[in-house]
Structure formats: C-alpha cells, structure tokens
mmCIF file of all heavy atoms, coordinates in Angstrom:
data_MODEL
# 
_entry.id   MODEL 
# 
loop_
_atom_site.group_PDB 
_atom_site.id 
_atom_site.type_symbol 
_atom_site.label_atom_id 
_atom_site.label_alt_id 
_atom_site.label_comp_id 
_atom_site.label_asym_id 
_atom_site.label_entity_id 
_atom_site.label_seq_id 
_atom_site.pdbx_PDB_ins_code 
_atom_site.Cartn_x 
_atom_site.Cartn_y 
_atom_site.Cartn_z 
_atom_site.occupancy 
_atom_site.B_iso_or_equiv 
_atom_site.pdbx_formal_charge 
_atom_site.auth_seq_id 
_atom_site.auth_comp_id 
_atom_site.auth_asym_id 
_atom_site.auth_atom_id 
_atom_site.pdbx_PDB_model_num 
ATOM 1   N N   . VAL A 1 1  ? 0.855  -1.208  0.000   1.00 0.00 ? 1  VAL A N   1 
ATOM 2   C CA  . VAL A 1 1  ? 0.000  0.000   0.000   1.00 0.00 ? 1  VAL A CA  1 
ATOM 3   C C   . VAL A 1 1  ? 0.884  1.249   0.000   1.00 0.00 ? 1  VAL A C   1 
ATOM 4   O O   . VAL A 1 1  ? 0.654  2.188   -0.775  1.00 0.00 ? 1  VAL A O   1 
ATOM 5   C CB  . VAL A 1 1  ? -0.950 0.012   1.226   1.00 0.00 ? 1  VAL A CB  1 
ATOM 6   C CG1 . VAL A 1 1  ? -1.691 1.358   1.324   1.00 0.00 ? 1  VAL A CG1 1 
ATOM 7   C CG2 . VAL A 1 1  ? -1.960 -1.123  1.133   1.00 0.00 ? 1  VAL A CG2 1 
ATOM 8   N N   . ILE A 1 2  ? 1.891  1.259   0.861   1.00 0.00 ? 2  ILE A N   1 
ATOM 9   C CA  . ILE A 1 2  ? 2.808  2.406   0.950   1.00 0.00 ? 2  ILE A CA  1 
ATOM 10  C C   . ILE A 1 2  ? 3.551  2.601   -0.376  1.00 0.00 ? 2  ILE A C   1 
ATOM 11  O O   . ILE A 1 2  ? 3.691  3.727   -0.872  1.00 0.00 ? 2  ILE A O   1 
ATOM 12  C CB  . ILE A 1 2  ? 3.806  2.220   2.118   1.00 0.00 ? 2  ILE A CB  1 
ATOM 13  C CG1 . ILE A 1 2  ? 3.044  2.261   3.452   1.00 0.00 ? 2  ILE A CG1 1 
ATOM 14  C CG2 . ILE A 1 2  ? 4.901  3.284   2.099   1.00 0.00 ? 2  ILE A CG2 1 
ATOM 15  C CD1 . ILE A 1 2  ? 3.821  1.721   4.641   1.00 0.00 ? 2  ILE A CD1 1 
ATOM 16  N N   . PHE A 1 3  ? 3.990  1.497   -0.991  1.00 0.00 ? 3  PHE A N   1 
ATOM 17  C CA  . PHE A 1 3  ? 4.708  1.565   -2.268  1.00 0.00 ? 3  PHE A CA  1 
ATOM 18  C C   . PHE A 1 3  ? 3.825  2.171   -3.371  1.00 0.00 ? 3  PHE A C   1 
ATOM 19  O O   . PHE A 1 3  ? 4.266  3.053   -4.116  1.00 0.00 ? 3  PHE A O   1 
ATOM 20  C CB  . PHE A 1 3  ? 5.175  0.160   -2.674  1.00 0.00 ? 3  PHE A CB  1 
ATOM 21  C CG  . PHE A 1 3  ? 5.865  0.107   -4.010  1.00 0.00 ? 3  PHE A CG  1 
ATOM 22  C CD1 . PHE A 1 3  ? 7.172  0.549   -4.147  1.00 0.00 ? 3  PHE A CD1 1 
ATOM 23  C CD2 . PHE A 1 3  ? 5.200  -0.379  -5.132  1.00 0.00 ? 3  PHE A CD2 1 
ATOM 24  C CE1 . PHE A 1 3  ? 7.816  0.512   -5.387  1.00 0.00 ? 3  PHE A CE1 1 
ATOM 25  C CE2 . PHE A 1 3  ? 5.822  -0.418  -6.366  1.00 0.00 ? 3  PHE A CE2 1 
ATOM 26  C CZ  . PHE A 1 3  ? 7.140  0.029   -6.495  1.00 0.00 ? 3  PHE A CZ  1 
ATOM 27  N N   . CYS A 1 4  ? 2.568  1.702   -3.471  1.00 0.00 ? 4  CYS A N   1 
ATOM 28  C CA  . CYS A 1 4  ? 1.654  2.207   -4.511  1.00 0.00 ? 4  CYS A CA  1 
ATOM 29  C C   . CYS A 1 4  ? 1.268  3.664   -4.268  1.00 0.00 ? 4  CYS A C   1 
ATOM 30  O O   . CYS A 1 4  ? 1.106  4.429   -5.218  1.00 0.00 ? 4  CYS A O   1 
ATOM 31  C CB  . CYS A 1 4  ? 0.404  1.329   -4.592  1.00 0.00 ? 4  CYS A CB  1 
ATOM 32  S SG  . CYS A 1 4  ? 0.728  -0.277  -5.348  1.00 0.00 ? 4  CYS A SG  1 
ATOM 33  N N   . ALA A 1 5  ? 1.134  4.042   -2.999  1.00 0.00 ? 5  ALA A N   1 
ATOM 34  C CA  . ALA A 1 5  ? 0.866  5.442   -2.679  1.00 0.00 ? 5  ALA A CA  1 
ATOM 35  C C   . ALA A 1 5  ? 2.021  6.318   -3.168  1.00 0.00 ? 5  ALA A C   1 
ATOM 36  O O   . ALA A 1 5  ? 1.814  7.416   -3.696  1.00 0.00 ? 5  ALA A O   1 
ATOM 37  C CB  . ALA A 1 5  ? 0.661  5.616   -1.186  1.00 0.00 ? 5  ALA A CB  1 
ATOM 38  N N   . GLY A 1 6  ? 3.240  5.819   -3.022  1.00 0.00 ? 6  GLY A N   1 
ATOM 39  C CA  . GLY A 1 6  ? 4.429  6.539   -3.490  1.00 0.00 ? 6  GLY A CA  1 
ATOM 40  C C   . GLY A 1 6  ? 4.421  6.737   -4.999  1.00 0.00 ? 6  GLY A C   1 
ATOM 41  O O   . GLY A 1 6  ? 4.730  7.827   -5.493  1.00 0.00 ? 6  GLY A O   1 
ATOM 42  N N   . ILE A 1 7  ? 4.017  5.680   -5.740  1.00 0.00 ? 7  ILE A N   1 
ATOM 43  C CA  . ILE A 1 7  ? 3.923  5.784   -7.203  1.00 0.00 ? 7  ILE A CA  1 
ATOM 44  C C   . ILE A 1 7  ? 2.889  6.839   -7.589  1.00 0.00 ? 7  ILE A C   1 
ATOM 45  O O   . ILE A 1 7  ? 3.099  7.648   -8.494  1.00 0.00 ? 7  ILE A O   1 
ATOM 46  C CB  . ILE A 1 7  ? 3.562  4.417   -7.842  1.00 0.00 ? 7  ILE A CB  1 
ATOM 47  C CG1 . ILE A 1 7  ? 4.750  3.462   -7.739  1.00 0.00 ? 7  ILE A CG1 1 
ATOM 48  C CG2 . ILE A 1 7  ? 3.143  4.580   -9.306  1.00 0.00 ? 7  ILE A CG2 1 
ATOM 49  C CD1 . ILE A 1 7  ? 4.488  2.069   -8.273  1.00 0.00 ? 7  ILE A CD1 1 
ATOM 50  N N   . ASN A 1 8  ? 1.772  6.866   -6.875  1.00 0.00 ? 8  ASN A N   1 
ATOM 51  C CA  . ASN A 1 8  ? 0.706  7.827   -7.171  1.00 0.00 ? 8  ASN A CA  1 
ATOM 52  C C   . ASN A 1 8  ? 1.156  9.269   -6.969  1.00 0.00 ? 8  ASN A C   1 
ATOM 53  O O   . ASN A 1 8  ? 0.659  10.174  -7.633  1.00 0.00 ? 8  ASN A O   1 
ATOM 54  C CB  . ASN A 1 8  ? -0.538 7.535   -6.315  1.00 0.00 ? 8  ASN A CB  1 
ATOM 55  C CG  . ASN A 1 8  ? -1.477 6.565   -6.990  1.00 0.00 ? 8  ASN A CG  1 
ATOM 56  O OD1 . ASN A 1 8  ? -2.379 6.979   -7.703  1.00 0.00 ? 8  ASN A OD1 1 
ATOM 57  N ND2 . ASN A 1 8  ? -1.259 5.279   -6.806  1.00 0.00 ? 8  ASN A ND2 1 
ATOM 58  N N   . LEU A 1 9  ? 2.079  9.484   -6.033  1.00 0.00 ? 9  LEU A N   1 
ATOM 59  C CA  . LEU A 1 9  ? 2.584  10.844  -5.796  1.00 0.00 ? 9  LEU A CA  1 
ATOM 60  C C   . LEU A 1 9  ? 3.351  11.381  -7.006  1.00 0.00 ? 9  LEU A C   1 
ATOM 61  O O   . LEU A 1 9  ? 3.501  12.587  -7.169  1.00 0.00 ? 9  LEU A O   1 
ATOM 62  C CB  . LEU A 1 9  ? 3.518  10.853  -4.571  1.00 0.00 ? 9  LEU A CB  1 
ATOM 63  C CG  . LEU A 1 9  ? 2.839  10.875  -3.200  1.00 0.00 ? 9  LEU A CG  1 
ATOM 64  C CD1 . LEU A 1 9  ? 3.890  10.780  -2.113  1.00 0.00 ? 9  LEU A CD1 1 
ATOM 65  C CD2 . LEU A 1 9  ? 2.001  12.143  -3.024  1.00 0.00 ? 9  LEU A CD2 1 
ATOM 66  N N   . LEU A 1 10 ? 3.821  10.472  -7.862  1.00 0.00 ? 10 LEU A N   1 
ATOM 67  C CA  . LEU A 1 10 ? 4.618  10.883  -9.026  1.00 0.00 ? 10 LEU A CA  1 
ATOM 68  C C   . LEU A 1 10 ? 3.769  11.413  -10.181 1.00 0.00 ? 10 LEU A C   1 
ATOM 69  O O   . LEU A 1 10 ? 4.298  11.961  -11.133 1.00 0.00 ? 10 LEU A O   1 
ATOM 70  C CB  . LEU A 1 10 ? 5.483  9.707   -9.504  1.00 0.00 ? 10 LEU A CB  1 
ATOM 71  C CG  . LEU A 1 10 ? 6.476  9.148   -8.470  1.00 0.00 ? 10 LEU A CG  1 
ATOM 72  C CD1 . LEU A 1 10 ? 7.180  7.919   -9.017  1.00 0.00 ? 10 LEU A CD1 1 
ATOM 73  C CD2 . LEU A 1 10 ? 7.507  10.204  -8.071  1.00 0.00 ? 10 LEU A CD2 1 
ATOM 74  N N   . GLY A 1 11 ? 2.442  11.228  -10.121 1.00 0.00 ? 11 GLY A N   1 
ATOM 75  C CA  . GLY A 1 11 ? 1.564  11.846  -11.120 1.00 0.00 ? 11 GLY A CA  1 
ATOM 76  C C   . GLY A 1 11 ? 0.864  10.862  -12.046 1.00 0.00 ? 11 GLY A C   1 
ATOM 77  O O   . GLY A 1 11 ? 1.211  9.687   -12.127 1.00 0.00 ? 11 GLY A O   1 
ATOM 78  N N   . THR A 1 12 ? -0.134 11.394  -12.798 1.00 0.00 ? 12 THR A N   1 
ATOM 79  C CA  . THR A 1 12 ? -1.005 10.589  -13.667 1.00 0.00 ? 12 THR A CA  1 
ATOM 80  C C   . THR A 1 12 ? -0.242 9.822   -14.736 1.00 0.00 ? 12 THR A C   1 
ATOM 81  O O   . THR A 1 12 ? -0.500 8.646   -14.973 1.00 0.00 ? 12 THR A O   1 
ATOM 82  C CB  . THR A 1 12 ? -2.043 11.504  -14.370 1.00 0.00 ? 12 THR A CB  1 
ATOM 83  O OG1 . THR A 1 12 ? -2.742 12.237  -13.385 1.00 0.00 ? 12 THR A OG1 1 
ATOM 84  C CG2 . THR A 1 12 ? -3.032 10.701  -15.188 1.00 0.00 ? 12 THR A CG2 1 
ATOM 85  N N   . ASP A 1 13 ? 0.722  10.495  -15.392 1.00 0.00 ? 13 ASP A N   1 
ATOM 86  C CA  . ASP A 1 13 ? 1.424  9.825   -16.492 1.00 0.00 ? 13 ASP A CA  1 
ATOM 87  C C   . ASP A 1 13 ? 2.264  8.655   -15.983 1.00 0.00 ? 13 ASP A C   1 
ATOM 88  O O   . ASP A 1 13 ? 2.376  7.626   -16.646 1.00 0.00 ? 13 ASP A O   1 
ATOM 89  C CB  . ASP A 1 13 ? 2.286  10.816  -17.279 1.00 0.00 ? 13 ASP A CB  1 
ATOM 90  C CG  . ASP A 1 13 ? 3.238  11.610  -16.393 1.00 0.00 ? 13 ASP A CG  1 
ATOM 91  O OD1 . ASP A 1 13 ? 2.907  11.799  -15.212 1.00 0.00 ? 13 ASP A OD1 1 
ATOM 92  O OD2 . ASP A 1 13 ? 4.303  12.033  -16.881 1.00 0.00 ? 13 ASP A OD2 1 
ATOM 93  N N   . ILE A 1 14 ? 2.841  8.793   -14.775 1.00 0.00 ? 14 ILE A N   1 
ATOM 94  C CA  . ILE A 1 14 ? 3.622  7.691   -14.180 1.00 0.00 ? 14 ILE A CA  1 
ATOM 95  C C   . ILE A 1 14 ? 2.700  6.527   -13.821 1.00 0.00 ? 14 ILE A C   1 
ATOM 96  O O   . ILE A 1 14 ? 3.033  5.363   -14.046 1.00 0.00 ? 14 ILE A O   1 
ATOM 97  C CB  . ILE A 1 14 ? 4.384  8.158   -12.914 1.00 0.00 ? 14 ILE A CB  1 
ATOM 98  C CG1 . ILE A 1 14 ? 5.353  9.304   -13.261 1.00 0.00 ? 14 ILE A CG1 1 
ATOM 99  C CG2 . ILE A 1 14 ? 5.137  7.024   -12.250 1.00 0.00 ? 14 ILE A CG2 1 
ATOM 100 C CD1 . ILE A 1 14 ? 6.523  8.906   -14.119 1.00 0.00 ? 14 ILE A CD1 1 
ATOM 101 N N   . VAL A 1 15 ? 1.513  6.853   -13.256 1.00 0.00 ? 15 VAL A N   1 
ATOM 102 C CA  . VAL A 1 15 ? 0.525  5.814   -12.920 1.00 0.00 ? 15 VAL A CA  1 
ATOM 103 C C   . VAL A 1 15 ? 0.152  5.044   -14.176 1.00 0.00 ? 15 VAL A C   1 
ATOM 104 O O   . VAL A 1 15 ? 0.134  3.811   -14.193 1.00 0.00 ? 15 VAL A O   1 
ATOM 105 C CB  . VAL A 1 15 ? -0.744 6.433   -12.262 1.00 0.00 ? 15 VAL A CB  1 
ATOM 106 C CG1 . VAL A 1 15 ? -1.823 5.374   -12.085 1.00 0.00 ? 15 VAL A CG1 1 
ATOM 107 C CG2 . VAL A 1 15 ? -0.406 7.038   -10.914 1.00 0.00 ? 15 VAL A CG2 1 
ATOM 108 N N   . GLY A 1 16 ? -0.130 5.784   -15.271 1.00 0.00 ? 16 GLY A N   1 
ATOM 109 C CA  . GLY A 1 16 ? -0.508 5.153   -16.541 1.00 0.00 ? 16 GLY A CA  1 
ATOM 110 C C   . GLY A 1 16 ? 0.582  4.252   -17.083 1.00 0.00 ? 16 GLY A C   1 
ATOM 111 O O   . GLY A 1 16 ? 0.323  3.132   -17.531 1.00 0.00 ? 16 GLY A O   1 
ATOM 112 N N   . THR A 1 17 ? 1.831  4.710   -17.034 1.00 0.00 ? 17 THR A N   1 
ATOM 113 C CA  . THR A 1 17 ? 2.971  3.918   -17.521 1.00 0.00 ? 17 THR A CA  1 
ATOM 114 C C   . THR A 1 17 ? 3.172  2.659   -16.680 1.00 0.00 ? 17 THR A C   1 
ATOM 115 O O   . THR A 1 17 ? 3.385  1.560   -17.211 1.00 0.00 ? 17 THR A O   1 
ATOM 116 C CB  . THR A 1 17 ? 4.273  4.761   -17.491 1.00 0.00 ? 17 THR A CB  1 
ATOM 117 O OG1 . THR A 1 17 ? 4.056  5.955   -18.232 1.00 0.00 ? 17 THR A OG1 1 
ATOM 118 C CG2 . THR A 1 17 ? 5.436  4.001   -18.087 1.00 0.00 ? 17 THR A CG2 1 
ATOM 119 N N   . ALA A 1 18 ? 3.087  2.808   -15.357 1.00 0.00 ? 18 ALA A N   1 
ATOM 120 C CA  . ALA A 1 18 ? 3.236  1.659   -14.447 1.00 0.00 ? 18 ALA A CA  1 
ATOM 121 C C   . ALA A 1 18 ? 2.165  0.611   -14.724 1.00 0.00 ? 18 ALA A C   1 
ATOM 122 O O   . ALA A 1 18 ? 2.448  -0.595  -14.770 1.00 0.00 ? 18 ALA A O   1 
ATOM 123 C CB  . ALA A 1 18 ? 3.157  2.131   -12.994 1.00 0.00 ? 18 ALA A CB  1 
ATOM 124 N N   . GLU A 1 19 ? 0.908  1.078   -14.935 1.00 0.00 ? 19 GLU A N   1 
ATOM 125 C CA  . GLU A 1 19 ? -0.195 0.158   -15.243 1.00 0.00 ? 19 GLU A CA  1 
ATOM 126 C C   . GLU A 1 19 ? 0.080  -0.583  -16.546 1.00 0.00 ? 19 GLU A C   1 
ATOM 127 O O   . GLU A 1 19 ? -0.115 -1.790  -16.647 1.00 0.00 ? 19 GLU A O   1 
ATOM 128 C CB  . GLU A 1 19 ? -1.513 0.939   -15.390 1.00 0.00 ? 19 GLU A CB  1 
ATOM 129 C CG  . GLU A 1 19 ? -2.033 1.556   -14.116 1.00 0.00 ? 19 GLU A CG  1 
ATOM 130 C CD  . GLU A 1 19 ? -2.369 0.519   -13.066 1.00 0.00 ? 19 GLU A CD  1 
ATOM 131 O OE1 . GLU A 1 19 ? -2.991 -0.496  -13.397 1.00 0.00 ? 19 GLU A OE1 1 
ATOM 132 O OE2 . GLU A 1 19 ? -1.991 0.730   -11.912 1.00 0.00 ? 19 GLU A OE2 1 
ATOM 133 N N   . THR A 1 20 ? 0.516  0.154   -17.580 1.00 0.00 ? 20 THR A N   1 
ATOM 134 C CA  . THR A 1 20 ? 0.745  -0.440  -18.901 1.00 0.00 ? 20 THR A CA  1 
ATOM 135 C C   . THR A 1 20 ? 1.775  -1.559  -18.830 1.00 0.00 ? 20 THR A C   1 
ATOM 136 O O   . THR A 1 20 ? 1.562  -2.654  -19.364 1.00 0.00 ? 20 THR A O   1 
ATOM 137 C CB  . THR A 1 20 ? 1.214  0.633   -19.902 1.00 0.00 ? 20 THR A CB  1 
ATOM 138 O OG1 . THR A 1 20 ? 0.261  1.711   -19.905 1.00 0.00 ? 20 THR A OG1 1 
ATOM 139 C CG2 . THR A 1 20 ? 1.319  0.077   -21.309 1.00 0.00 ? 20 THR A CG2 1 
ATOM 140 N N   . LEU A 1 21 ? 2.896  -1.305  -18.169 1.00 0.00 ? 21 LEU A N   1 
ATOM 141 C CA  . LEU A 1 21 ? 3.966  -2.307  -18.059 1.00 0.00 ? 21 LEU A CA  1 
ATOM 142 C C   . LEU A 1 21 ? 3.515  -3.533  -17.269 1.00 0.00 ? 21 LEU A C   1 
ATOM 143 O O   . LEU A 1 21 ? 3.714  -4.673  -17.696 1.00 0.00 ? 21 LEU A O   1 
ATOM 144 C CB  . LEU A 1 21 ? 5.200  -1.683  -17.386 1.00 0.00 ? 21 LEU A CB  1 
ATOM 145 C CG  . LEU A 1 21 ? 5.926  -0.592  -18.194 1.00 0.00 ? 21 LEU A CG  1 
ATOM 146 C CD1 . LEU A 1 21 ? 6.999  0.067   -17.350 1.00 0.00 ? 21 LEU A CD1 1 
ATOM 147 C CD2 . LEU A 1 21 ? 6.525  -1.166  -19.472 1.00 0.00 ? 21 LEU A CD2 1 
ATOM 148 N N   . ALA A 1 22 ? 2.888  -3.289  -16.110 1.00 0.00 ? 22 ALA A N   1 
ATOM 149 C CA  . ALA A 1 22 ? 2.447  -4.405  -15.253 1.00 0.00 ? 22 ALA A CA  1 
ATOM 150 C C   . ALA A 1 22 ? 1.391  -5.249  -15.946 1.00 0.00 ? 22 ALA A C   1 
ATOM 151 O O   . ALA A 1 22 ? 1.483  -6.482  -15.973 1.00 0.00 ? 22 ALA A O   1 
ATOM 152 C CB  . ALA A 1 22 ? 1.912  -3.865  -13.929 1.00 0.00 ? 22 ALA A CB  1 
ATOM 153 N N   . ILE A 1 23 ? 0.392  -4.579  -16.532 1.00 0.00 ? 23 ILE A N   1 
ATOM 154 C CA  . ILE A 1 23 ? -0.719 -5.309  -17.135 1.00 0.00 ? 23 ILE A CA  1 
ATOM 155 C C   . ILE A 1 23 ? -0.302 -6.024  -18.413 1.00 0.00 ? 23 ILE A C   1 
ATOM 156 O O   . ILE A 1 23 ? -0.819 -7.093  -18.729 1.00 0.00 ? 23 ILE A O   1 
ATOM 157 C CB  . ILE A 1 23 ? -1.912 -4.350  -17.371 1.00 0.00 ? 23 ILE A CB  1 
ATOM 158 C CG1 . ILE A 1 23 ? -2.496 -3.929  -16.020 1.00 0.00 ? 23 ILE A CG1 1 
ATOM 159 C CG2 . ILE A 1 23 ? -2.989 -4.979  -18.225 1.00 0.00 ? 23 ILE A CG2 1 
ATOM 160 C CD1 . ILE A 1 23 ? -2.818 -5.078  -15.075 1.00 0.00 ? 23 ILE A CD1 1 
ATOM 161 N N   . GLY A 1 24 ? 0.668  -5.465  -19.131 1.00 0.00 ? 24 GLY A N   1 
ATOM 162 C CA  . GLY A 1 24 ? 1.190  -6.152  -20.319 1.00 0.00 ? 24 GLY A CA  1 
ATOM 163 C C   . GLY A 1 24 ? 1.743  -7.520  -19.960 1.00 0.00 ? 24 GLY A C   1 
ATOM 164 O O   . GLY A 1 24 ? 1.425  -8.533  -20.597 1.00 0.00 ? 24 GLY A O   1 
ATOM 165 N N   . PHE A 1 25 ? 2.541  -7.572  -18.913 1.00 0.00 ? 25 PHE A N   1 
ATOM 166 C CA  . PHE A 1 25 ? 3.129  -8.839  -18.449 1.00 0.00 ? 25 PHE A CA  1 
ATOM 167 C C   . PHE A 1 25 ? 2.049  -9.796  -17.959 1.00 0.00 ? 25 PHE A C   1 
ATOM 168 O O   . PHE A 1 25 ? 2.038  -10.986 -18.318 1.00 0.00 ? 25 PHE A O   1 
ATOM 169 C CB  . PHE A 1 25 ? 4.140  -8.567  -17.322 1.00 0.00 ? 25 PHE A CB  1 
ATOM 170 C CG  . PHE A 1 25 ? 4.723  -9.816  -16.724 1.00 0.00 ? 25 PHE A CG  1 
ATOM 171 C CD1 . PHE A 1 25 ? 5.782  -10.470 -17.348 1.00 0.00 ? 25 PHE A CD1 1 
ATOM 172 C CD2 . PHE A 1 25 ? 4.216  -10.349 -15.549 1.00 0.00 ? 25 PHE A CD2 1 
ATOM 173 C CE1 . PHE A 1 25 ? 6.324  -11.635 -16.806 1.00 0.00 ? 25 PHE A CE1 1 
ATOM 174 C CE2 . PHE A 1 25 ? 4.739  -11.513 -14.996 1.00 0.00 ? 25 PHE A CE2 1 
ATOM 175 C CZ  . PHE A 1 25 ? 5.804  -12.152 -15.630 1.00 0.00 ? 25 PHE A CZ  1 
# 
C-alpha cells in the first residue's frame, strides 16, 4: 500500500505507464 501510494505521488502519467507495463506482463 505504501509503495503504490508513493507511485501515485509521481503523477497521472507515471501511474498510466506503471499500469501499462504491469498489465502487459
């Protein structure tokens, strides 16, 4: 939870990129 909250602090485009990479795999 803490790790994902940290990713969210980096902004919408980072969230979108993280989702794309994870979901692709």
